Amino acid sequence: MGINRLAWRTLAARPVRTFLTMLGVALGVGVLSASLTLGAGLNAAIDRTVRDVVGSADLRVSAFLERGLSDATVDAIRGTAGVDIIAPTVERRTFLVQVPGTTPGGAVTIVGIDPGPYGQLHPFDLVTGALLIRPDEPSAIISETLAEADGYGIGSELTVQGVGAPAHLRVIGIAAGPGPVAGAAGRTVFVPVQTARDIFGLAGVSRVDIGLGDGTSAAIAADRLADRLTTEPYVLSSPADLAAGLRASTADFQATLAMLAAIVLFVGSFLIVNTLSMTVSERAREVGLLRAAGATRRQVVRFVLAGAAAIGIVGSAIGLAAGAALGLIMAGSIRALTGFAPEVEGLSAGSLVLAFSVGLGITVAAAGRGAPGTPGPSRGPPRTPGMAGPRLRCRGRPGPDCLAAGGGHGRCGPGTRGLWRPAGGNARGTVPSATPGANPRSPVGRRAAPRGAARSRVACP
C-alpha cells in the first residue's frame, strides 16, 4: 500500500472529524469566494448605475438647495463656452392614487425631462409605446418594473399626487428594465419637465446634465462653469466622481466581508493543526512501522501532507460551491438594503484559482506544523509499541547527564569515562533480540558480539 493510500485510510477511519475539518476549510473558502464574487458584482452594478444615471453626459450640475436651480442658472450653463447639450431634469418622489384594475404599490420617482436633449444624453430603450415629444404634454413613460408590479399598460391612467390637485397622466410608453434612478427600486415615471414643475409647484430644476463639444475637456469646462455660476450654490460632478462615491458607500461592506473570510481561514488553520496532530498521535504505531520498515523522514512528512492535501482539495471544492450560493444570498440582501442589484455571475478563472489555492495552501501549511518529520532538533528514531530497542547502561559513578543515544539510557559520573554495555547482556556484550516475542534468555533470542570486539567508551559530561 502506498503512502498516499495509507494517509487516506487514516482520514477515513475518523469520518466525523475529517468532515468537520473539511467543513472548516469550506467555510473559509466559501466566504472568500463570496466576497470576490460580490466585489466583482458590486463593481459591475456601480458601473451600470453610473451609465444609467449619467448616460453619455460629461458633467452634471446639481442643486444644493431644495428649491433647485433657477432658470437664470440654467441659461448661464447653456451659454458656457464648450457646452454642447444641456438636459434640465426634475426629480421628486411621490405616490400614485390607486385606480380600479391596478395593484397598490409603494412610492414612485417622478423624473421630469426635456424630451429632445435628454434623449441625446440618455437614449430610451422602449419595450413598447412611443417617446415623449412636447415638454408640457400630460403623458408619461413608465419603467417595465413598475408596469409589471402595478399592472399598468399602454393607455393606462396615472394619478400623481402633488402640491395641489392630483395630476392625471396617460401612459404612452414602457421603458425596459428598472429605469435609471438609483434607489427608486425600479418604480420610475418619466414626464415632461414642465409637467413635473407644475405638479410639484417648482420654479427650478433638480439638476442639469451637460454634454461637452469636441475638444473641450471636463476640467476646462468645470473652470468655466465656476466663473459663470455665482448666484446660487450648486454641486458639480463627473461620472468618475459618482462612481467613486458609490464605491465608497460599499467599501466598508467589502472590507468587512474580506476580514470575515480571513478570520474564518485563520481559525480553520488551528482546527486543521489539531485534527492532523491527533491523527498522527493516534497513528504512532503506523509511523513507527514506517520508520522501522525503512521509511525516511521525508516519506513520513508526505504521509501527513497527503492527508492534509485531501482535506484541502475536497474542502476548497465544497467552499467554491457554497461561495456561489452565499454570494447570491448576500446580493439579495444588498439589493434590499441599498437598491443596488449586484450581478452575481460567477468567479473568473483567476479568482477561482485564488480562492482554491488559498484554501489548499492554508491546509497544507497548517498540516506542516504538526508533521512529525518537520525540521527540528533530532529526537532519534521513533519508538514503536511492542518493538522496544535495546536498553544501554553505563558503568561508572552515577551522574545526571548521561543519556544513551538511540533511545537507551544510563548514568555516568561527571568528568569520568564510562563503559557502555547492553542492559541484560553479559560481559561479552550480548543484547536481547529486537524480534517481538523472542525469549532474550534463549540462544535464538540473543545476539552475541564477536569475540575481541572493542567496547565503546563515551565521554560523560
Protein backbone atom coordinates (compact mmCIF):
# COMPACT_ATOMS: atom_id res chain seq x y z
CA MET A 1 0.00 0.00 0.00
CA GLY A 2 1.38 3.43 -0.93
CA ILE A 3 1.95 6.32 1.46
CA ASN A 4 -0.94 8.29 -0.06
CA ARG A 5 -3.45 5.45 0.29
CA LEU A 6 -2.39 4.90 3.88
CA ALA A 7 -2.95 8.60 4.61
CA TRP A 8 -6.41 8.48 3.06
CA ARG A 9 -7.32 5.39 5.07
CA THR A 10 -6.25 7.26 8.18
CA LEU A 11 -8.70 10.05 7.37
CA ALA A 12 -11.48 7.59 6.58
CA ALA A 13 -11.00 5.95 9.99
CA ARG A 14 -12.29 9.16 11.64
CA PRO A 15 -15.07 10.31 9.26
CA VAL A 16 -16.77 12.81 11.59
CA ARG A 17 -13.54 14.56 12.49
CA THR A 18 -12.42 14.62 8.88
CA PHE A 19 -15.78 16.01 7.74
CA LEU A 20 -15.74 18.79 10.32
CA THR A 21 -12.22 19.75 9.30
CA MET A 22 -13.27 19.87 5.65
CA LEU A 23 -16.27 21.95 6.70
CA GLY A 24 -13.95 24.47 8.36
CA VAL A 25 -11.90 24.78 5.19
CA ALA A 26 -15.07 25.01 3.08
CA LEU A 27 -16.48 27.79 5.24
CA GLY A 28 -13.36 29.92 4.89
CA VAL A 29 -13.08 29.35 1.13
CA GLY A 30 -16.82 29.94 0.73
CA VAL A 31 -16.71 33.33 2.44
CA LEU A 32 -13.60 34.28 0.46
CA SER A 33 -15.11 33.28 -2.89
CA ALA A 34 -18.40 35.01 -2.00
CA SER A 35 -16.51 38.22 -1.21
CA LEU A 36 -14.67 38.01 -4.53
CA THR A 37 -17.89 37.28 -6.42
CA LEU A 38 -19.81 40.01 -4.66
CA GLY A 39 -16.99 42.51 -5.11
CA ALA A 40 -16.97 41.96 -8.85
CA GLY A 41 -20.77 42.11 -8.93
CA LEU A 42 -20.86 45.38 -6.98
CA ASN A 43 -18.30 46.97 -9.31
CA ALA A 44 -20.35 45.90 -12.33
CA ALA A 45 -23.54 47.23 -10.68
CA ILE A 46 -21.89 50.57 -9.92
CA ASP A 47 -20.63 50.93 -13.49
CA ARG A 48 -24.11 50.10 -14.80
CA THR A 49 -25.77 52.52 -12.39
CA VAL A 50 -23.44 55.36 -13.36
CA ARG A 51 -24.03 54.63 -17.02
CA ASP A 52 -27.81 54.61 -16.50
CA VAL A 53 -27.87 57.71 -14.30
CA VAL A 54 -25.43 59.89 -16.22
CA GLY A 55 -25.74 58.38 -19.67
CA SER A 56 -23.29 59.99 -22.05
CA ALA A 57 -23.15 63.26 -20.11
CA ASP A 58 -19.70 64.62 -19.31
CA LEU A 59 -20.69 66.77 -16.31
CA ARG A 60 -23.64 67.22 -14.00
CA VAL A 61 -24.66 70.37 -12.12
CA SER A 62 -26.97 69.51 -9.20
CA ALA A 63 -28.94 71.88 -6.98
CA PHE A 64 -27.65 72.33 -3.45
CA LEU A 65 -30.90 73.81 -2.13
CA GLU A 66 -34.34 72.22 -2.13
CA ARG A 67 -35.81 74.86 -4.43
CA GLY A 68 -33.50 73.72 -7.24
CA LEU A 69 -31.53 75.56 -9.91
CA SER A 70 -33.17 78.70 -11.24
CA ASP A 71 -33.81 79.43 -14.90
CA ALA A 72 -31.01 82.02 -14.77
CA THR A 73 -28.53 79.35 -13.73
CA VAL A 74 -29.76 77.03 -16.47
CA ASP A 75 -29.28 79.81 -19.03
CA ALA A 76 -25.78 80.51 -17.69
CA ILE A 77 -24.87 76.84 -18.12
CA ARG A 78 -26.28 76.86 -21.65
CA GLY A 79 -24.18 79.89 -22.56
CA THR A 80 -20.87 78.49 -21.23
CA ALA A 81 -18.21 78.02 -23.91
CA GLY A 82 -17.66 74.38 -24.82
CA VAL A 83 -21.11 73.23 -23.64
CA ASP A 84 -22.91 71.48 -26.49
CA ILE A 85 -26.02 69.93 -24.90
CA ILE A 86 -27.83 70.56 -21.62
CA ALA A 87 -30.68 68.44 -20.26
CA PRO A 88 -32.56 70.08 -17.34
CA THR A 89 -34.19 67.46 -15.12
CA VAL A 90 -36.64 67.47 -12.20
CA GLU A 91 -36.66 64.51 -9.80
CA ARG A 92 -39.17 64.05 -6.96
CA ARG A 93 -40.67 61.12 -5.04
CA THR A 94 -44.41 60.86 -4.56
CA PHE A 95 -47.30 58.37 -4.58
CA LEU A 96 -49.82 57.31 -7.16
CA VAL A 97 -53.52 57.35 -6.37
CA GLN A 98 -54.85 53.82 -6.73
CA VAL A 99 -57.29 53.34 -9.56
CA PRO A 100 -59.50 50.32 -10.26
CA GLY A 101 -57.73 47.48 -12.02
CA THR A 102 -54.28 48.25 -10.60
CA THR A 103 -52.30 46.81 -7.71
CA PRO A 104 -51.41 49.24 -4.88
CA GLY A 105 -47.69 49.80 -4.61
CA GLY A 106 -45.12 51.96 -2.90
CA ALA A 107 -43.67 55.35 -3.74
CA VAL A 108 -42.65 56.27 -7.27
CA THR A 109 -39.94 58.59 -8.56
CA ILE A 110 -41.12 61.24 -11.00
CA VAL A 111 -38.41 62.31 -13.47
CA GLY A 112 -39.23 65.42 -15.46
CA ILE A 113 -37.19 65.64 -18.67
CA ASP A 114 -36.78 67.82 -21.73
CA PRO A 115 -37.53 65.12 -24.33
CA GLY A 116 -35.11 66.28 -27.04
CA PRO A 117 -31.83 66.93 -25.17
CA TYR A 118 -32.49 64.22 -22.59
CA GLY A 119 -32.89 61.63 -25.32
CA GLN A 120 -29.50 62.59 -26.77
CA LEU A 121 -27.70 62.04 -23.44
CA HIS A 122 -29.93 59.22 -22.15
CA PRO A 123 -31.25 57.09 -25.02
CA PHE A 124 -34.52 55.33 -24.17
CA ASP A 125 -34.89 51.60 -24.68
CA LEU A 126 -38.64 51.20 -25.08
CA VAL A 127 -40.34 47.84 -24.71
CA THR A 128 -43.49 49.21 -26.31
CA GLY A 129 -45.18 52.54 -26.98
CA ALA A 130 -43.83 55.93 -28.05
CA LEU A 131 -41.46 58.61 -26.77
CA LEU A 132 -42.39 61.94 -25.22
CA ILE A 133 -42.44 64.78 -27.72
CA ARG A 134 -43.68 68.05 -26.21
CA PRO A 135 -42.18 69.47 -22.98
CA ASP A 136 -45.63 70.06 -21.45
CA GLU A 137 -47.85 67.18 -22.61
CA PRO A 138 -49.81 65.23 -19.93
CA SER A 139 -48.18 61.94 -20.86
CA ALA A 140 -45.78 59.56 -19.15
CA ILE A 141 -43.34 56.75 -19.82
CA ILE A 142 -43.09 54.21 -17.00
CA SER A 143 -40.44 51.61 -16.25
CA GLU A 144 -41.06 47.99 -17.07
CA THR A 145 -40.66 47.11 -13.39
CA LEU A 146 -43.45 49.49 -12.37
CA ALA A 147 -45.73 48.28 -15.17
CA GLU A 148 -45.37 44.65 -14.13
CA ALA A 149 -45.67 45.34 -10.40
CA ASP A 150 -48.78 47.55 -10.53
CA GLY A 151 -50.44 46.24 -13.67
CA TYR A 152 -50.14 49.32 -15.89
CA GLY A 153 -50.04 49.21 -19.68
CA ILE A 154 -50.20 51.47 -22.71
CA GLY A 155 -53.16 53.81 -22.33
CA SER A 156 -53.42 53.38 -18.55
CA GLU A 157 -54.06 56.48 -16.47
CA LEU A 158 -51.70 57.56 -13.70
CA THR A 159 -52.99 59.81 -10.95
CA VAL A 160 -50.00 61.53 -9.37
CA GLN A 161 -50.18 63.29 -6.01
CA GLY A 162 -48.58 66.75 -5.98
CA VAL A 163 -48.79 70.06 -4.12
CA GLY A 164 -52.27 70.75 -5.43
CA ALA A 165 -54.92 68.61 -7.01
CA PRO A 166 -53.73 65.19 -8.29
CA ALA A 167 -52.44 65.25 -11.86
CA HIS A 168 -53.75 62.79 -14.42
CA LEU A 169 -51.28 61.36 -16.93
CA ARG A 170 -51.67 58.84 -19.73
CA VAL A 171 -49.07 56.09 -20.20
CA ILE A 172 -47.72 56.22 -23.78
CA GLY A 173 -44.58 54.10 -23.39
CA ILE A 174 -42.86 51.47 -21.24
CA ALA A 175 -39.09 51.67 -20.81
CA ALA A 176 -37.06 48.47 -20.44
CA GLY A 177 -35.75 47.48 -17.03
CA PRO A 178 -35.98 49.34 -13.74
CA GLY A 179 -35.07 52.79 -15.04
CA PRO A 180 -32.01 54.99 -14.47
CA VAL A 181 -32.72 56.21 -10.94
CA ALA A 182 -30.61 54.59 -8.22
CA GLY A 183 -32.59 53.78 -5.09
CA ALA A 184 -36.00 54.01 -6.81
CA ALA A 185 -36.49 50.22 -6.74
CA GLY A 186 -37.44 50.38 -10.41
CA ARG A 187 -40.60 52.44 -9.80
CA THR A 188 -39.86 55.30 -12.20
CA VAL A 189 -42.18 57.61 -14.16
CA PHE A 190 -40.86 59.94 -16.90
CA VAL A 191 -42.89 63.07 -17.64
CA PRO A 192 -42.11 66.34 -19.48
CA VAL A 193 -40.08 68.76 -17.37
CA GLN A 194 -42.71 71.48 -17.33
CA THR A 195 -45.38 68.97 -16.32
CA ALA A 196 -43.22 67.90 -13.35
CA ARG A 197 -42.68 71.51 -12.30
CA ASP A 198 -46.43 72.14 -12.40
CA ILE A 199 -47.20 69.01 -10.35
CA PHE A 200 -44.79 69.90 -7.55
CA GLY A 201 -45.01 73.71 -7.81
CA LEU A 202 -41.30 74.19 -8.62
CA ALA A 203 -39.66 77.25 -10.11
CA GLY A 204 -36.37 75.50 -10.88
CA VAL A 205 -34.91 72.12 -11.79
CA SER A 206 -33.11 69.48 -9.73
CA ARG A 207 -30.08 69.13 -11.99
CA VAL A 208 -28.64 69.78 -15.42
CA ASP A 209 -26.71 67.13 -17.37
CA ILE A 210 -24.10 68.57 -19.72
CA GLY A 211 -22.67 67.21 -22.94
CA LEU A 212 -19.43 68.91 -24.00
CA GLY A 213 -18.35 69.71 -27.52
CA ASP A 214 -15.36 68.21 -29.25
CA GLY A 215 -12.03 69.47 -27.94
CA THR A 216 -13.40 70.60 -24.56
CA SER A 217 -12.23 68.66 -21.54
CA ALA A 218 -14.24 68.26 -18.36
CA ALA A 219 -11.61 70.13 -16.34
CA ILE A 220 -11.68 73.17 -18.63
CA ALA A 221 -15.48 73.20 -18.69
CA ALA A 222 -15.59 72.96 -14.88
CA ASP A 223 -13.37 76.03 -14.56
CA ARG A 224 -15.56 77.97 -16.97
CA LEU A 225 -18.72 76.99 -15.11
CA ALA A 226 -17.17 78.05 -11.81
CA ASP A 227 -16.60 81.53 -13.26
CA ARG A 228 -20.17 81.87 -14.53
CA LEU A 229 -22.28 80.22 -11.81
CA THR A 230 -22.01 82.67 -8.94
CA THR A 231 -25.62 83.43 -7.99
CA GLU A 232 -26.57 80.25 -6.10
CA PRO A 233 -24.88 77.17 -4.62
CA TYR A 234 -24.54 74.02 -6.71
CA VAL A 235 -22.68 70.70 -6.85
CA LEU A 236 -20.57 69.91 -9.91
CA SER A 237 -19.68 66.27 -10.53
CA SER A 238 -18.47 63.96 -13.28
CA PRO A 239 -19.27 60.29 -13.94
CA ALA A 240 -15.97 59.33 -12.27
CA ASP A 241 -16.97 61.27 -9.14
CA LEU A 242 -20.32 59.49 -8.99
CA ALA A 243 -18.67 56.09 -9.40
CA ALA A 244 -16.14 56.89 -6.66
CA GLY A 245 -18.92 57.94 -4.29
CA LEU A 246 -20.90 54.76 -4.93
CA ARG A 247 -17.82 52.59 -4.45
CA ALA A 248 -17.04 54.36 -1.18
CA SER A 249 -20.54 53.51 0.06
CA THR A 250 -19.85 49.79 -0.42
CA ALA A 251 -16.18 49.77 0.60
CA ASP A 252 -16.91 49.11 4.30
CA PHE A 253 -19.12 46.15 3.44
CA GLN A 254 -16.49 44.59 1.18
CA ALA A 255 -13.74 45.17 3.75
CA THR A 256 -15.85 43.54 6.47
CA LEU A 257 -16.54 40.56 4.23
CA ALA A 258 -12.84 40.13 3.43
CA MET A 259 -11.94 40.36 7.14
CA LEU A 260 -14.55 37.73 7.97
CA ALA A 261 -13.05 35.39 5.37
CA ALA A 262 -9.56 35.93 6.82
CA ILE A 263 -10.79 35.20 10.37
CA VAL A 264 -12.57 32.03 9.28
CA LEU A 265 -9.49 30.77 7.44
CA PHE A 266 -7.24 31.64 10.39
CA VAL A 267 -9.43 29.76 12.86
CA GLY A 268 -9.73 26.91 10.41
CA SER A 269 -5.95 26.55 10.31
CA PHE A 270 -5.93 25.78 14.05
CA LEU A 271 -8.65 23.21 13.52
CA ILE A 272 -6.53 21.56 10.83
CA VAL A 273 -3.40 21.52 13.03
CA ASN A 274 -5.37 20.00 15.90
CA THR A 275 -7.01 17.35 13.71
CA LEU A 276 -3.83 16.24 12.00
CA SER A 277 -1.81 16.30 15.21
CA MET A 278 -4.33 13.97 16.85
CA THR A 279 -4.31 11.79 13.76
CA VAL A 280 -0.53 11.49 13.89
CA SER A 281 -0.61 10.70 17.60
CA GLU A 282 -3.22 8.02 17.10
CA ARG A 283 -1.22 6.56 14.25
CA ALA A 284 2.09 6.49 16.09
CA ARG A 285 2.28 2.74 15.52
CA GLU A 286 1.90 3.17 11.77
CA VAL A 287 4.50 5.94 11.75
CA GLY A 288 6.86 3.78 13.78
CA LEU A 289 6.31 0.82 11.46
CA LEU A 290 7.05 3.06 8.50
CA ARG A 291 10.33 4.15 10.07
CA ALA A 292 11.19 0.59 11.14
CA ALA A 293 10.49 -0.57 7.58
CA GLY A 294 12.99 1.95 6.29
CA ALA A 295 10.76 4.96 5.57
CA THR A 296 12.65 8.23 5.52
CA ARG A 297 11.64 11.36 7.33
CA ARG A 298 10.52 12.84 4.04
CA GLN A 299 8.16 9.93 3.47
CA VAL A 300 6.67 10.36 6.93
CA VAL A 301 6.08 14.04 6.21
CA ARG A 302 4.48 13.02 2.94
CA PHE A 303 2.18 10.70 4.90
CA VAL A 304 0.86 13.69 6.87
CA LEU A 305 0.74 16.15 3.99
CA ALA A 306 -1.12 13.72 1.74
CA GLY A 307 -3.97 13.65 4.23
CA ALA A 308 -3.92 17.42 4.52
CA ALA A 309 -3.98 17.79 0.73
CA ALA A 310 -7.06 15.55 0.54
CA ILE A 311 -8.81 17.66 3.17
CA GLY A 312 -7.80 20.90 1.42
CA ILE A 313 -8.89 19.78 -2.05
CA VAL A 314 -12.29 18.48 -1.00
CA GLY A 315 -12.93 21.34 1.45
CA SER A 316 -11.94 24.00 -1.10
CA ALA A 317 -14.16 22.46 -3.77
CA ILE A 318 -17.11 22.44 -1.37
CA GLY A 319 -16.27 26.02 -0.40
CA LEU A 320 -16.38 27.24 -4.01
CA ALA A 321 -19.86 25.78 -4.45
CA ALA A 322 -21.01 27.22 -1.13
CA GLY A 323 -19.50 30.59 -2.03
CA ALA A 324 -21.65 30.84 -5.15
CA ALA A 325 -24.81 30.27 -3.12
CA LEU A 326 -23.63 32.64 -0.38
CA GLY A 327 -22.92 35.33 -2.98
CA LEU A 328 -26.50 35.13 -4.27
CA ILE A 329 -27.88 35.45 -0.73
CA MET A 330 -25.68 38.46 0.03
CA ALA A 331 -26.56 40.08 -3.29
CA GLY A 332 -30.25 39.84 -2.39
CA SER A 333 -29.57 41.49 0.97
CA ILE A 334 -27.62 44.32 -0.65
CA ARG A 335 -30.39 44.81 -3.21
CA ALA A 336 -32.98 45.09 -0.44
CA LEU A 337 -30.90 47.48 1.69
CA THR A 338 -29.30 49.78 -0.89
CA GLY A 339 -31.23 49.35 -4.11
CA PHE A 340 -28.15 48.13 -5.97
CA ALA A 341 -28.52 44.95 -7.96
CA PRO A 342 -25.09 43.24 -7.97
CA GLU A 343 -24.56 41.00 -10.96
CA VAL A 344 -23.54 37.70 -9.33
CA GLU A 345 -22.48 35.62 -12.29
CA GLY A 346 -19.56 33.52 -11.10
CA LEU A 347 -15.88 33.83 -10.46
CA SER A 348 -13.39 34.37 -13.20
CA ALA A 349 -10.71 31.75 -13.75
CA GLY A 350 -8.18 33.81 -11.81
CA SER A 351 -10.50 34.27 -8.82
CA LEU A 352 -11.36 30.58 -8.79
CA VAL A 353 -7.68 29.64 -8.73
CA LEU A 354 -7.02 32.23 -6.00
CA ALA A 355 -9.80 31.01 -3.67
CA PHE A 356 -8.94 27.34 -4.25
CA SER A 357 -5.21 27.94 -3.75
CA VAL A 358 -5.76 29.86 -0.52
CA GLY A 359 -7.83 27.03 0.97
CA LEU A 360 -5.41 24.31 -0.13
CA GLY A 361 -2.32 26.30 0.82
CA ILE A 362 -3.51 27.10 4.35
CA THR A 363 -4.49 23.47 4.91
CA VAL A 364 -1.12 22.10 3.80
CA ALA A 365 0.80 24.81 5.68
CA ALA A 366 -1.14 24.13 8.87
CA ALA A 367 -0.53 20.39 8.49
CA GLY A 368 3.19 21.01 8.12
CA ARG A 369 3.24 22.41 11.64
CA GLY A 370 2.04 19.09 13.03
CA ALA A 371 4.06 16.73 10.86
CA PRO A 372 6.40 14.51 12.89
CA GLY A 373 9.17 14.88 10.33
CA THR A 374 9.31 18.64 10.08
CA PRO A 375 12.76 20.12 10.60
CA GLY A 376 13.69 20.43 14.24
CA PRO A 377 16.04 19.01 16.87
CA SER A 378 16.74 15.32 16.33
CA ARG A 379 15.00 13.09 18.81
CA GLY A 380 16.24 9.78 17.48
CA PRO A 381 14.16 7.15 15.73
CA PRO A 382 10.53 6.79 16.86
CA ARG A 383 9.80 4.16 19.43
CA THR A 384 7.11 1.73 18.42
CA PRO A 385 4.95 -0.08 21.00
CA GLY A 386 5.90 -3.77 21.08
CA MET A 387 9.25 -3.16 19.38
CA ALA A 388 11.39 -1.61 22.11
CA GLY A 389 15.04 -1.10 21.18
CA PRO A 390 18.00 -2.28 23.30
CA ARG A 391 18.48 -0.54 26.59
CA LEU A 392 22.03 0.56 27.31
CA ARG A 393 23.62 1.30 30.62
CA CYS A 394 26.85 2.95 31.71
CA ARG A 395 29.20 1.54 34.31
CA GLY A 396 30.75 4.23 36.45
CA ARG A 397 29.80 6.74 39.04
CA PRO A 398 26.15 7.90 38.77
CA GLY A 399 25.64 11.21 37.11
CA PRO A 400 22.66 13.28 35.98
CA ASP A 401 23.54 13.97 32.36
CA CYS A 402 24.29 10.74 30.60
CA LEU A 403 21.61 9.64 28.13
CA ALA A 404 22.45 6.90 25.67
CA ALA A 405 21.92 7.77 22.03
CA GLY A 406 19.22 5.92 20.16
CA GLY A 407 16.68 5.94 22.97
CA GLY A 408 18.73 3.95 25.56
CA HIS A 409 19.63 5.35 28.94
CA GLY A 410 22.38 5.21 31.57
CA ARG A 411 24.21 7.33 34.07
CA CYS A 412 27.87 8.39 34.33
CA GLY A 413 29.70 10.39 36.88
CA PRO A 414 30.71 13.90 35.91
CA GLY A 415 34.20 14.05 34.40
CA THR A 416 34.62 10.25 34.09
CA ARG A 417 34.59 7.88 31.15
CA GLY A 418 32.04 5.13 31.34
CA LEU A 419 31.90 1.78 29.63
CA TRP A 420 28.60 1.24 27.82
CA ARG A 421 27.21 -2.25 27.62
CA PRO A 422 23.76 -3.61 26.90
CA ALA A 423 21.40 -3.89 29.83
CA GLY A 424 20.63 -7.51 30.49
CA GLY A 425 23.61 -8.67 28.39
CA ASN A 426 26.75 -10.42 29.55
CA ALA A 427 30.32 -9.21 29.72
CA ARG A 428 30.83 -10.07 26.08
CA GLY A 429 28.16 -7.58 25.00
CA THR A 430 25.21 -9.72 24.10
CA VAL A 431 21.92 -7.87 23.68
CA PRO A 432 18.31 -9.00 23.66
CA SER A 433 16.90 -9.54 20.22
CA ALA A 434 14.60 -6.85 18.82
CA THR A 435 12.29 -9.52 17.46
CA PRO A 436 8.86 -9.26 19.15
CA GLY A 437 8.02 -12.27 21.29
CA ALA A 438 11.54 -13.72 21.32
CA ASN A 439 12.95 -15.05 24.57
CA PRO A 440 16.00 -12.97 25.48
CA ARG A 441 17.48 -15.83 27.52
CA SER A 442 17.44 -18.33 24.69
CA PRO A 443 20.34 -18.63 22.23
CA VAL A 444 17.90 -17.87 19.43
CA GLY A 445 16.70 -14.68 21.07
CA ARG A 446 20.21 -13.47 21.83
CA ARG A 447 22.78 -11.96 19.58
CA ALA A 448 26.38 -12.19 20.77
CA ALA A 449 29.01 -9.63 19.97
CA PRO A 450 32.11 -11.07 18.26
CA ARG A 451 34.99 -12.02 20.48
CA GLY A 452 37.58 -9.33 20.80
CA ALA A 453 35.20 -6.59 19.72
CA ALA A 454 36.13 -3.26 21.19
CA ARG A 455 33.76 -1.84 23.69
CA SER A 456 32.69 1.78 23.15
CA ARG A 457 33.72 4.30 25.72
CA VAL A 458 31.77 7.52 25.88
CA ALA A 459 32.95 10.71 27.46
CA CYS A 460 30.41 11.67 30.10
CA PRO A 461 29.79 15.32 30.93
